[in-house]
Amino acid sequence: MSGTAVLLTLVALLTGGMIAMQGPINAELAARLGHPLSAAFWSFCVGTSILALVVVLFARGSTDFSALRSIPLYMLIGGGLLGAVYVLVNLILAPKIGVAALMSLAIAGQLAAALLLDRFGLFDLVQRELSVGRVSGVLLVLVGALMVRML
């Protein structure tokens, strides 16, 4: 494995760990603020502020804002809407079912959805057929997630 491949793998693992920390941090914020929606709102305010700074520093002048008129609505609101739901559900579920169960079930759900996205080539993705190996791999992750949750 090349040095770049190792670095990218480590970055992926690190960000996965960061996602695991996001739920409990936001859950504690919700407890202190008194409502999960307030915590989700604050989380997105901070995230938006950080991204605005990064855009100013690294993408200034390269964004084609005139393209916004021709972009389908689902593209403009879909990612933010899905992200908001994900953050809100995570901060509600983390203290109720535990972070390990939450993350393992979320990963199983992500993989199941990914199989469907690949199978039908949705969102201009390359279409990839289902195989016994791919479906079995997702089922194994699901079984593992259920074991983390129930055992």
C-alpha atoms as a PDB file:
ATOM      1  CA  MET A   1       0.000   0.000   0.000  1.00  0.00           C
ATOM      2  CA  SER A   2       1.396   3.410  -0.963  1.00  0.00           C
ATOM      3  CA  GLY A   3       2.007   6.168   1.538  1.00  0.00           C
ATOM      4  CA  THR A   4      -0.910   8.146   0.119  1.00  0.00           C
ATOM      5  CA  ALA A   5      -3.226   5.146   0.453  1.00  0.00           C
ATOM      6  CA  VAL A   6      -2.171   4.671   4.074  1.00  0.00           C
ATOM      7  CA  LEU A   7      -2.723   8.363   4.813  1.00  0.00           C
ATOM      8  CA  LEU A   8      -6.169   8.364   3.195  1.00  0.00           C
ATOM      9  CA  THR A   9      -7.116   5.235   5.141  1.00  0.00           C
ATOM     10  CA  LEU A  10      -6.030   6.839   8.410  1.00  0.00           C
ATOM     11  CA  VAL A  11      -7.975  10.025   7.609  1.00  0.00           C
ATOM     12  CA  ALA A  12     -11.095   7.924   6.882  1.00  0.00           C
ATOM     13  CA  LEU A  13     -10.700   6.082  10.194  1.00  0.00           C
ATOM     14  CA  LEU A  14     -10.152   9.335  12.074  1.00  0.00           C
ATOM     15  CA  THR A  15     -13.237  10.989  10.600  1.00  0.00           C
ATOM     16  CA  GLY A  16     -15.274   7.885  11.397  1.00  0.00           C
ATOM     17  CA  GLY A  17     -14.206   8.296  15.003  1.00  0.00           C
ATOM     18  CA  MET A  18     -15.201  11.948  14.852  1.00  0.00           C
ATOM     19  CA  ILE A  19     -18.681  10.970  13.673  1.00  0.00           C
ATOM     20  CA  ALA A  20     -18.963   8.615  16.657  1.00  0.00           C
ATOM     21  CA  MET A  21     -18.140  11.517  18.983  1.00  0.00           C
ATOM     22  CA  GLN A  22     -20.632  13.904  17.346  1.00  0.00           C
ATOM     23  CA  GLY A  23     -23.763  12.167  18.675  1.00  0.00           C
ATOM     24  CA  PRO A  24     -22.848  12.147  22.355  1.00  0.00           C
ATOM     25  CA  ILE A  25     -21.401  15.671  22.232  1.00  0.00           C
ATOM     26  CA  ASN A  26     -24.615  16.984  20.682  1.00  0.00           C
ATOM     27  CA  ALA A  27     -26.723  14.898  23.095  1.00  0.00           C
ATOM     28  CA  GLU A  28     -24.969  16.497  26.048  1.00  0.00           C
ATOM     29  CA  LEU A  29     -25.453  19.901  24.444  1.00  0.00           C
ATOM     30  CA  ALA A  30     -29.176  19.117  24.049  1.00  0.00           C
ATOM     31  CA  ALA A  31     -29.428  18.148  27.719  1.00  0.00           C
ATOM     32  CA  ARG A  32     -27.777  21.398  28.788  1.00  0.00           C
ATOM     33  CA  LEU A  33     -29.774  23.567  26.377  1.00  0.00           C
ATOM     34  CA  GLY A  34     -33.025  21.805  27.192  1.00  0.00           C
ATOM     35  CA  HIS A  35     -34.056  20.652  23.699  1.00  0.00           C
ATOM     36  CA  PRO A  36     -32.551  18.485  20.922  1.00  0.00           C
ATOM     37  CA  LEU A  37     -33.597  20.918  18.191  1.00  0.00           C
ATOM     38  CA  SER A  38     -31.622  23.702  19.874  1.00  0.00           C
ATOM     39  CA  ALA A  39     -28.527  21.514  19.972  1.00  0.00           C
ATOM     40  CA  ALA A  40     -28.929  20.505  16.316  1.00  0.00           C
ATOM     41  CA  PHE A  41     -29.377  24.164  15.368  1.00  0.00           C
ATOM     42  CA  TRP A  42     -26.243  25.202  17.278  1.00  0.00           C
ATOM     43  CA  SER A  43     -24.275  22.337  15.718  1.00  0.00           C
ATOM     44  CA  PHE A  44     -25.245  23.454  12.215  1.00  0.00           C
ATOM     45  CA  CYS A  45     -24.533  27.131  13.006  1.00  0.00           C
ATOM     46  CA  VAL A  46     -20.990  26.242  14.024  1.00  0.00           C
ATOM     47  CA  GLY A  47     -20.554  23.897  11.052  1.00  0.00           C
ATOM     48  CA  THR A  48     -21.858  26.529   8.633  1.00  0.00           C
ATOM     49  CA  SER A  49     -19.531  29.147  10.099  1.00  0.00           C
ATOM     50  CA  ILE A  50     -16.516  26.850   9.757  1.00  0.00           C
ATOM     51  CA  LEU A  51     -17.451  25.964   6.171  1.00  0.00           C
ATOM     52  CA  ALA A  52     -17.955  29.656   5.301  1.00  0.00           C
ATOM     53  CA  LEU A  53     -14.431  30.376   6.529  1.00  0.00           C
ATOM     54  CA  VAL A  54     -13.014  27.434   4.557  1.00  0.00           C
ATOM     55  CA  VAL A  55     -14.816  28.593   1.394  1.00  0.00           C
ATOM     56  CA  VAL A  56     -13.447  32.126   1.815  1.00  0.00           C
ATOM     57  CA  LEU A  57      -9.934  30.771   2.311  1.00  0.00           C
ATOM     58  CA  PHE A  58      -9.874  28.049  -0.351  1.00  0.00           C
ATOM     59  CA  ALA A  59     -12.756  28.361  -2.840  1.00  0.00           C
ATOM     60  CA  ARG A  60     -13.247  32.096  -3.190  1.00  0.00           C
ATOM     61  CA  GLY A  61     -13.938  33.034  -6.779  1.00  0.00           C
ATOM     62  CA  SER A  62     -14.229  29.470  -8.035  1.00  0.00           C
ATOM     63  CA  THR A  63     -17.907  28.874  -7.232  1.00  0.00           C
ATOM     64  CA  ASP A  64     -20.377  29.414 -10.087  1.00  0.00           C
ATOM     65  CA  PHE A  65     -23.368  30.891  -8.259  1.00  0.00           C
ATOM     66  CA  SER A  66     -25.233  31.424 -11.541  1.00  0.00           C
ATOM     67  CA  ALA A  67     -25.535  27.614 -11.761  1.00  0.00           C
ATOM     68  CA  LEU A  68     -27.908  27.702  -8.768  1.00  0.00           C
ATOM     69  CA  ARG A  69     -30.800  28.618 -11.075  1.00  0.00           C
ATOM     70  CA  SER A  70     -30.511  25.369 -13.036  1.00  0.00           C
ATOM     71  CA  ILE A  71     -29.757  22.945 -10.187  1.00  0.00           C
ATOM     72  CA  PRO A  72     -32.707  20.712  -9.187  1.00  0.00           C
ATOM     73  CA  LEU A  73     -34.262  21.506  -5.821  1.00  0.00           C
ATOM     74  CA  TYR A  74     -33.403  18.085  -4.357  1.00  0.00           C
ATOM     75  CA  MET A  75     -29.714  18.864  -4.896  1.00  0.00           C
ATOM     76  CA  LEU A  76     -29.967  22.263  -3.246  1.00  0.00           C
ATOM     77  CA  ILE A  77     -31.761  21.091  -0.104  1.00  0.00           C
ATOM     78  CA  GLY A  78     -31.245  17.316  -0.017  1.00  0.00           C
ATOM     79  CA  GLY A  79     -27.800  17.122   1.549  1.00  0.00           C
ATOM     80  CA  GLY A  80     -28.536  19.713   4.219  1.00  0.00           C
ATOM     81  CA  LEU A  81     -31.915  18.181   5.028  1.00  0.00           C
ATOM     82  CA  LEU A  82     -30.471  14.677   5.318  1.00  0.00           C
ATOM     83  CA  GLY A  83     -27.575  15.983   7.410  1.00  0.00           C
ATOM     84  CA  ALA A  84     -29.934  17.785   9.766  1.00  0.00           C
ATOM     85  CA  VAL A  85     -32.072  14.670  10.234  1.00  0.00           C
ATOM     86  CA  TYR A  86     -28.955  12.554  10.818  1.00  0.00           C
ATOM     87  CA  VAL A  87     -27.552  14.925  13.445  1.00  0.00           C
ATOM     88  CA  LEU A  88     -30.898  15.296  15.218  1.00  0.00           C
ATOM     89  CA  VAL A  89     -31.590  11.545  15.311  1.00  0.00           C
ATOM     90  CA  ASN A  90     -28.040  10.819  16.503  1.00  0.00           C
ATOM     91  CA  LEU A  91     -28.205  13.238  19.378  1.00  0.00           C
ATOM     92  CA  ILE A  92     -31.567  11.815  20.449  1.00  0.00           C
ATOM     93  CA  LEU A  93     -30.580   8.135  20.116  1.00  0.00           C
ATOM     94  CA  ALA A  94     -26.989   8.240  21.460  1.00  0.00           C
ATOM     95  CA  PRO A  95     -28.001   8.457  25.138  1.00  0.00           C
ATOM     96  CA  LYS A  96     -30.902   6.006  24.656  1.00  0.00           C
ATOM     97  CA  ILE A  97     -29.252   3.099  22.817  1.00  0.00           C
ATOM     98  CA  GLY A  98     -25.541   3.873  23.222  1.00  0.00           C
ATOM     99  CA  VAL A  99     -23.003   5.150  20.732  1.00  0.00           C
ATOM    100  CA  ALA A 100     -21.718   1.710  19.637  1.00  0.00           C
ATOM    101  CA  ALA A 101     -25.221   0.477  18.791  1.00  0.00           C
ATOM    102  CA  LEU A 102     -26.088   3.758  17.100  1.00  0.00           C
ATOM    103  CA  MET A 103     -22.960   3.799  14.950  1.00  0.00           C
ATOM    104  CA  SER A 104     -23.141   0.124  13.986  1.00  0.00           C
ATOM    105  CA  LEU A 105     -26.821   0.394  13.011  1.00  0.00           C
ATOM    106  CA  ALA A 106     -26.138   3.621  11.111  1.00  0.00           C
ATOM    107  CA  ILE A 107     -23.320   1.952   9.184  1.00  0.00           C
ATOM    108  CA  ALA A 108     -25.556  -1.027   8.363  1.00  0.00           C
ATOM    109  CA  GLY A 109     -28.218   1.382   7.107  1.00  0.00           C
ATOM    110  CA  GLN A 110     -25.649   3.298   5.064  1.00  0.00           C
ATOM    111  CA  LEU A 111     -24.408   0.116   3.424  1.00  0.00           C
ATOM    112  CA  ALA A 112     -27.918  -1.122   2.620  1.00  0.00           C
ATOM    113  CA  ALA A 113     -28.777   2.234   1.034  1.00  0.00           C
ATOM    114  CA  ALA A 114     -25.440   2.239  -0.797  1.00  0.00           C
ATOM    115  CA  LEU A 115     -26.240  -1.134  -2.355  1.00  0.00           C
ATOM    116  CA  LEU A 116     -29.491   0.294  -3.722  1.00  0.00           C
ATOM    117  CA  LEU A 117     -27.808   3.463  -4.964  1.00  0.00           C
ATOM    118  CA  ASP A 118     -25.185   1.359  -6.748  1.00  0.00           C
ATOM    119  CA  ARG A 119     -27.701  -1.146  -8.116  1.00  0.00           C
ATOM    120  CA  PHE A 120     -29.878   1.481  -9.754  1.00  0.00           C
ATOM    121  CA  GLY A 121     -27.117   3.989 -10.546  1.00  0.00           C
ATOM    122  CA  LEU A 122     -29.001   6.765  -8.793  1.00  0.00           C
ATOM    123  CA  PHE A 123     -27.679  10.349  -8.760  1.00  0.00           C
ATOM    124  CA  ASP A 124     -25.560   9.693 -11.868  1.00  0.00           C
ATOM    125  CA  LEU A 125     -23.536   6.968 -10.157  1.00  0.00           C
ATOM    126  CA  VAL A 126     -22.107   4.092 -12.120  1.00  0.00           C
ATOM    127  CA  GLN A 127     -24.564   1.195 -11.977  1.00  0.00           C
ATOM    128  CA  ARG A 128     -23.189  -1.852 -10.142  1.00  0.00           C
ATOM    129  CA  GLU A 129     -24.964  -5.165  -9.965  1.00  0.00           C
ATOM    130  CA  LEU A 130     -25.850  -6.866  -6.728  1.00  0.00           C
ATOM    131  CA  SER A 131     -23.808  -9.937  -5.986  1.00  0.00           C
ATOM    132  CA  VAL A 132     -23.985 -12.625  -3.363  1.00  0.00           C
ATOM    133  CA  GLY A 133     -20.779 -11.267  -1.849  1.00  0.00           C
ATOM    134  CA  ARG A 134     -21.958  -7.658  -1.664  1.00  0.00           C
ATOM    135  CA  VAL A 135     -25.367  -8.522  -0.224  1.00  0.00           C
ATOM    136  CA  SER A 136     -23.827 -11.036   2.197  1.00  0.00           C
ATOM    137  CA  GLY A 137     -21.322  -8.429   3.364  1.00  0.00           C
ATOM    138  CA  VAL A 138     -24.098  -5.976   4.182  1.00  0.00           C
ATOM    139  CA  LEU A 139     -26.124  -8.691   5.922  1.00  0.00           C
ATOM    140  CA  LEU A 140     -23.072  -9.600   8.028  1.00  0.00           C
ATOM    141  CA  VAL A 141     -22.681  -5.964   9.053  1.00  0.00           C
ATOM    142  CA  LEU A 142     -26.387  -5.834   9.918  1.00  0.00           C
ATOM    143  CA  VAL A 143     -26.101  -9.000  12.020  1.00  0.00           C
ATOM    144  CA  GLY A 144     -23.052  -7.503  13.753  1.00  0.00           C
ATOM    145  CA  ALA A 145     -24.954  -4.268  14.398  1.00  0.00           C
ATOM    146  CA  LEU A 146     -27.866  -6.176  15.889  1.00  0.00           C
ATOM    147  CA  MET A 147     -25.429  -8.109  18.091  1.00  0.00           C
ATOM    148  CA  VAL A 148     -23.899  -4.837  19.329  1.00  0.00           C
ATOM    149  CA  ARG A 149     -27.404  -3.556  20.083  1.00  0.00           C
ATOM    150  CA  MET A 150     -28.924  -6.655  21.696  1.00  0.00           C
ATOM    151  CA  LEU A 151     -26.144  -8.739  23.227  1.00  0.00           C
END
